[in-house]
Protein backbone atom coordinates (compact mmCIF):
# COMPACT_ATOMS: atom_id res chain seq x y z
CA LYS A 1 0.00 0.00 0.00
CA GLN A 2 2.92 2.38 0.60
CA TRP A 3 3.98 2.08 -3.04
CA TYR A 4 0.39 2.48 -4.09
CA GLN A 5 -0.06 5.63 -1.98
CA ARG A 6 3.12 7.21 -3.37
CA ARG A 7 2.48 6.35 -7.02
CA VAL A 8 -1.27 6.58 -7.45
CA ARG A 9 -3.23 9.59 -6.43
CA VAL A 10 -6.65 8.28 -7.40
CA ARG A 11 -7.63 4.64 -6.71
CA SER A 12 -9.98 4.67 -9.71
CA SER A 13 -6.98 5.11 -12.04
CA VAL A 14 -5.76 1.58 -11.17
CA LYS A 15 -7.69 -1.61 -11.94
CA VAL A 16 -6.92 -4.52 -9.63
CA ILE A 17 -7.65 -8.07 -10.77
CA THR A 18 -7.08 -10.94 -8.39
CA LYS A 19 -8.15 -14.56 -8.07
CA ILE A 20 -9.49 -16.90 -5.48
CA MET A 21 -8.75 -20.60 -5.65
CA TRP A 22 -11.41 -23.24 -5.35
CA GLN A 23 -10.34 -25.91 -2.90
CA ASP A 24 -12.16 -29.20 -2.50
CA PRO A 25 -13.90 -28.38 0.75
CA GLY A 26 -13.99 -31.92 2.11
CA GLU A 27 -15.65 -31.41 5.49
CA ALA A 28 -15.14 -27.63 5.43
CA ASP A 29 -17.90 -25.14 4.67
CA LEU A 30 -17.40 -24.03 1.06
CA GLN A 31 -19.28 -20.78 1.61
CA SER A 32 -17.12 -19.80 4.61
CA GLU A 33 -13.92 -20.80 2.80
CA THR A 34 -14.86 -18.61 -0.18
CA VAL A 35 -15.68 -15.62 2.05
CA SER A 36 -12.37 -16.12 3.87
CA GLN A 37 -10.41 -16.15 0.61
CA ILE A 38 -12.02 -12.96 -0.67
CA GLU A 39 -11.63 -11.13 2.64
CA GLY A 40 -8.02 -12.36 2.78
CA SER A 41 -7.34 -10.92 -0.68
CA LEU A 42 -8.74 -7.55 0.36
CA GLN A 43 -6.58 -7.56 3.49
CA ARG A 44 -3.37 -8.69 1.75
CA LEU A 45 -3.85 -6.10 -0.99
CA ASN A 46 -4.82 -3.52 1.62
CA LEU A 47 -7.72 -2.33 -0.52
CA ASP A 48 -11.30 -1.34 0.14
CA TYR A 49 -12.48 -3.04 -3.04
CA ILE A 50 -11.28 -5.26 -5.89
CA ASP A 51 -12.11 -4.30 -9.47
CA ILE A 52 -12.31 -7.83 -10.88
CA LEU A 53 -12.35 -11.05 -8.87
CA LEU A 54 -11.80 -14.29 -10.75
CA LEU A 55 -12.38 -17.86 -9.66
CA HIS A 56 -9.14 -19.62 -10.64
CA ASN A 57 -9.09 -23.11 -12.20
CA THR A 58 -12.82 -23.14 -12.75
CA ASP A 59 -12.38 -26.29 -14.85
CA ARG A 60 -11.70 -28.24 -11.63
CA VAL A 61 -14.87 -27.12 -9.85
CA PRO A 62 -17.98 -29.36 -9.82
CA LEU A 63 -20.98 -27.39 -11.09
CA SER A 64 -22.88 -27.73 -7.80
CA GLN A 65 -19.97 -26.18 -5.93
CA LEU A 66 -19.49 -23.53 -8.60
CA THR A 67 -23.00 -22.32 -7.82
CA VAL A 68 -22.12 -21.86 -4.13
CA VAL A 69 -18.84 -20.05 -4.89
CA TRP A 70 -20.45 -17.79 -7.51
CA LYS A 71 -23.24 -16.78 -5.13
CA VAL A 72 -20.63 -15.77 -2.52
CA MET A 73 -18.74 -13.78 -5.16
CA GLU A 74 -22.01 -12.07 -6.13
CA SER A 75 -22.57 -11.05 -2.50
CA PHE A 76 -19.25 -9.17 -2.56
CA VAL A 77 -20.39 -7.30 -5.68
CA VAL A 78 -23.64 -6.36 -3.95
CA SER A 79 -21.68 -5.16 -0.89
CA GLY A 80 -19.41 -2.99 -3.05
CA LYS A 81 -16.22 -4.83 -2.08
CA VAL A 82 -15.90 -6.24 -5.62
CA VAL A 83 -16.87 -4.43 -8.82
CA ALA A 84 -17.01 -7.35 -11.28
CA ILE A 85 -16.54 -11.13 -11.21
CA GLY A 86 -15.35 -13.73 -13.66
CA LEU A 87 -13.79 -17.11 -14.29
CA SER A 88 -10.30 -18.36 -15.06
CA ASN A 89 -9.58 -21.58 -16.98
CA ALA A 90 -13.28 -21.99 -17.67
CA GLU A 91 -14.89 -24.56 -19.90
CA ILE A 92 -18.00 -23.82 -21.92
CA SER A 93 -20.13 -25.92 -19.54
CA HIS A 94 -19.09 -23.68 -16.64
CA LEU A 95 -19.95 -20.50 -18.51
CA ILE A 96 -23.35 -21.77 -19.55
CA HIS A 97 -24.05 -23.00 -16.03
CA VAL A 98 -23.15 -19.69 -14.36
CA GLN A 99 -25.04 -17.64 -16.92
CA SER A 100 -28.14 -19.79 -16.27
CA PHE A 101 -28.54 -18.64 -12.66
CA ALA A 102 -26.28 -15.64 -12.07
CA SER A 103 -27.79 -12.40 -10.85
CA VAL A 104 -24.38 -10.80 -11.47
CA PRO A 105 -23.18 -11.80 -14.94
CA VAL A 106 -19.74 -13.08 -15.84
CA SER A 107 -17.70 -9.99 -16.73
CA LEU A 108 -14.40 -11.56 -17.73
CA VAL A 109 -12.95 -14.95 -18.65
CA GLN A 110 -9.22 -15.53 -18.49
CA ASN A 111 -8.14 -18.68 -20.37
CA ILE A 112 -4.99 -19.89 -22.04
CA PHE A 113 -4.71 -18.49 -25.55
CA THR A 114 -1.66 -19.47 -27.57
CA PRO A 115 -1.30 -20.39 -31.24
CA PHE A 116 -1.31 -24.03 -30.15
CA GLU A 117 -3.76 -24.10 -27.30
CA HIS A 118 -7.04 -22.24 -27.09
CA ASP A 119 -10.76 -22.98 -26.98
CA PRO A 120 -12.62 -21.30 -29.85
CA GLU A 121 -15.96 -22.31 -28.34
CA VAL A 122 -15.25 -20.39 -25.11
CA TYR A 123 -13.85 -17.39 -27.00
CA THR A 124 -16.90 -17.29 -29.31
CA TYR A 125 -19.29 -17.65 -26.37
CA CYS A 126 -17.60 -14.72 -24.65
CA PHE A 127 -17.74 -12.60 -27.78
CA ASP A 128 -21.41 -13.45 -28.43
CA ASN A 129 -22.37 -12.73 -24.81
CA LYS A 130 -20.32 -9.53 -24.43
CA ILE A 131 -17.99 -11.10 -21.85
CA LEU A 132 -14.45 -9.75 -21.87
CA PHE A 133 -11.89 -12.40 -22.80
CA MET A 134 -8.34 -12.11 -21.50
CA GLY A 135 -5.86 -14.62 -22.88
CA TYR A 136 -2.81 -15.70 -20.96
CA GLY A 137 0.31 -17.43 -22.22
CA ILE A 138 -0.01 -15.68 -25.57
CA THR A 139 3.75 -15.46 -26.08
CA GLY A 140 4.28 -19.08 -24.99
CA ASP A 141 5.94 -18.36 -21.65
CA VAL A 142 3.48 -20.76 -20.03
CA TYR A 143 5.19 -23.72 -21.74
CA VAL A 144 8.60 -22.86 -20.33
CA LYS A 145 7.09 -22.36 -16.88
CA GLU A 146 5.61 -25.86 -17.19
CA GLY A 147 9.03 -27.33 -17.93
CA ALA A 148 9.45 -27.20 -21.71
CA ALA A 149 13.07 -26.95 -22.86
CA SER A 150 12.21 -24.07 -25.17
CA ASN A 151 9.29 -21.84 -26.05
CA PRO A 152 7.36 -23.45 -28.93
CA VAL A 153 5.60 -20.19 -29.81
CA LEU A 154 8.87 -18.32 -30.31
CA ASP A 155 10.35 -21.38 -32.06
CA GLU A 156 7.51 -21.38 -34.60
CA PRO A 157 8.86 -20.36 -38.04
CA LEU A 158 5.80 -18.22 -38.78
CA ILE A 159 6.52 -16.08 -35.72
CA SER A 160 10.12 -15.54 -36.86
CA ASP A 161 8.94 -14.73 -40.39
CA LEU A 162 6.42 -12.17 -39.12
CA ALA A 163 8.99 -10.58 -36.82
CA GLU A 164 11.39 -10.23 -39.74
CA GLN A 165 8.66 -8.89 -42.05
CA TYR A 166 7.76 -6.20 -39.51
CA HIS A 167 11.36 -5.43 -38.55
CA THR A 168 10.95 -6.40 -34.92
CA SER A 169 12.12 -9.10 -32.55
CA LYS A 170 10.05 -12.22 -32.04
CA HIS A 171 10.58 -11.51 -28.34
CA ALA A 172 8.90 -8.08 -28.57
């Protein structure tokens, strides 16, 4: 917060996106766990509100539990502690499910989007339903982070050809 106070004069000039992680609740109360994660994010970030809150690894969440988590996220929007909510690593079934009951719509989906790995069905659904789509791993860094010896996106001849054609680095 000290950096934030020195560098930013108006909170509205900065958009903060953070994620909560679904955890198999086992015997725990999923609703309480979700509230605890969101409140913990607010405390760790030392903010009064979060601009966009995403549920991370949505593809691992059973639909029945997704409903519970989403309803908790909606309550933070209603309270003003969160402005908008969305999903990360979502499958089409999750999007359709949430949209079927949500009183606060999905604002943003963050999914992997590389030349080799992306889900056109999710992207199209987002476009058709006016949901912002934010791709991650676009430059292929995700593959190296997962243990690949080299970055297949930057190793792709087409990328090198385009970089040369436009007089730039393929790393730009």
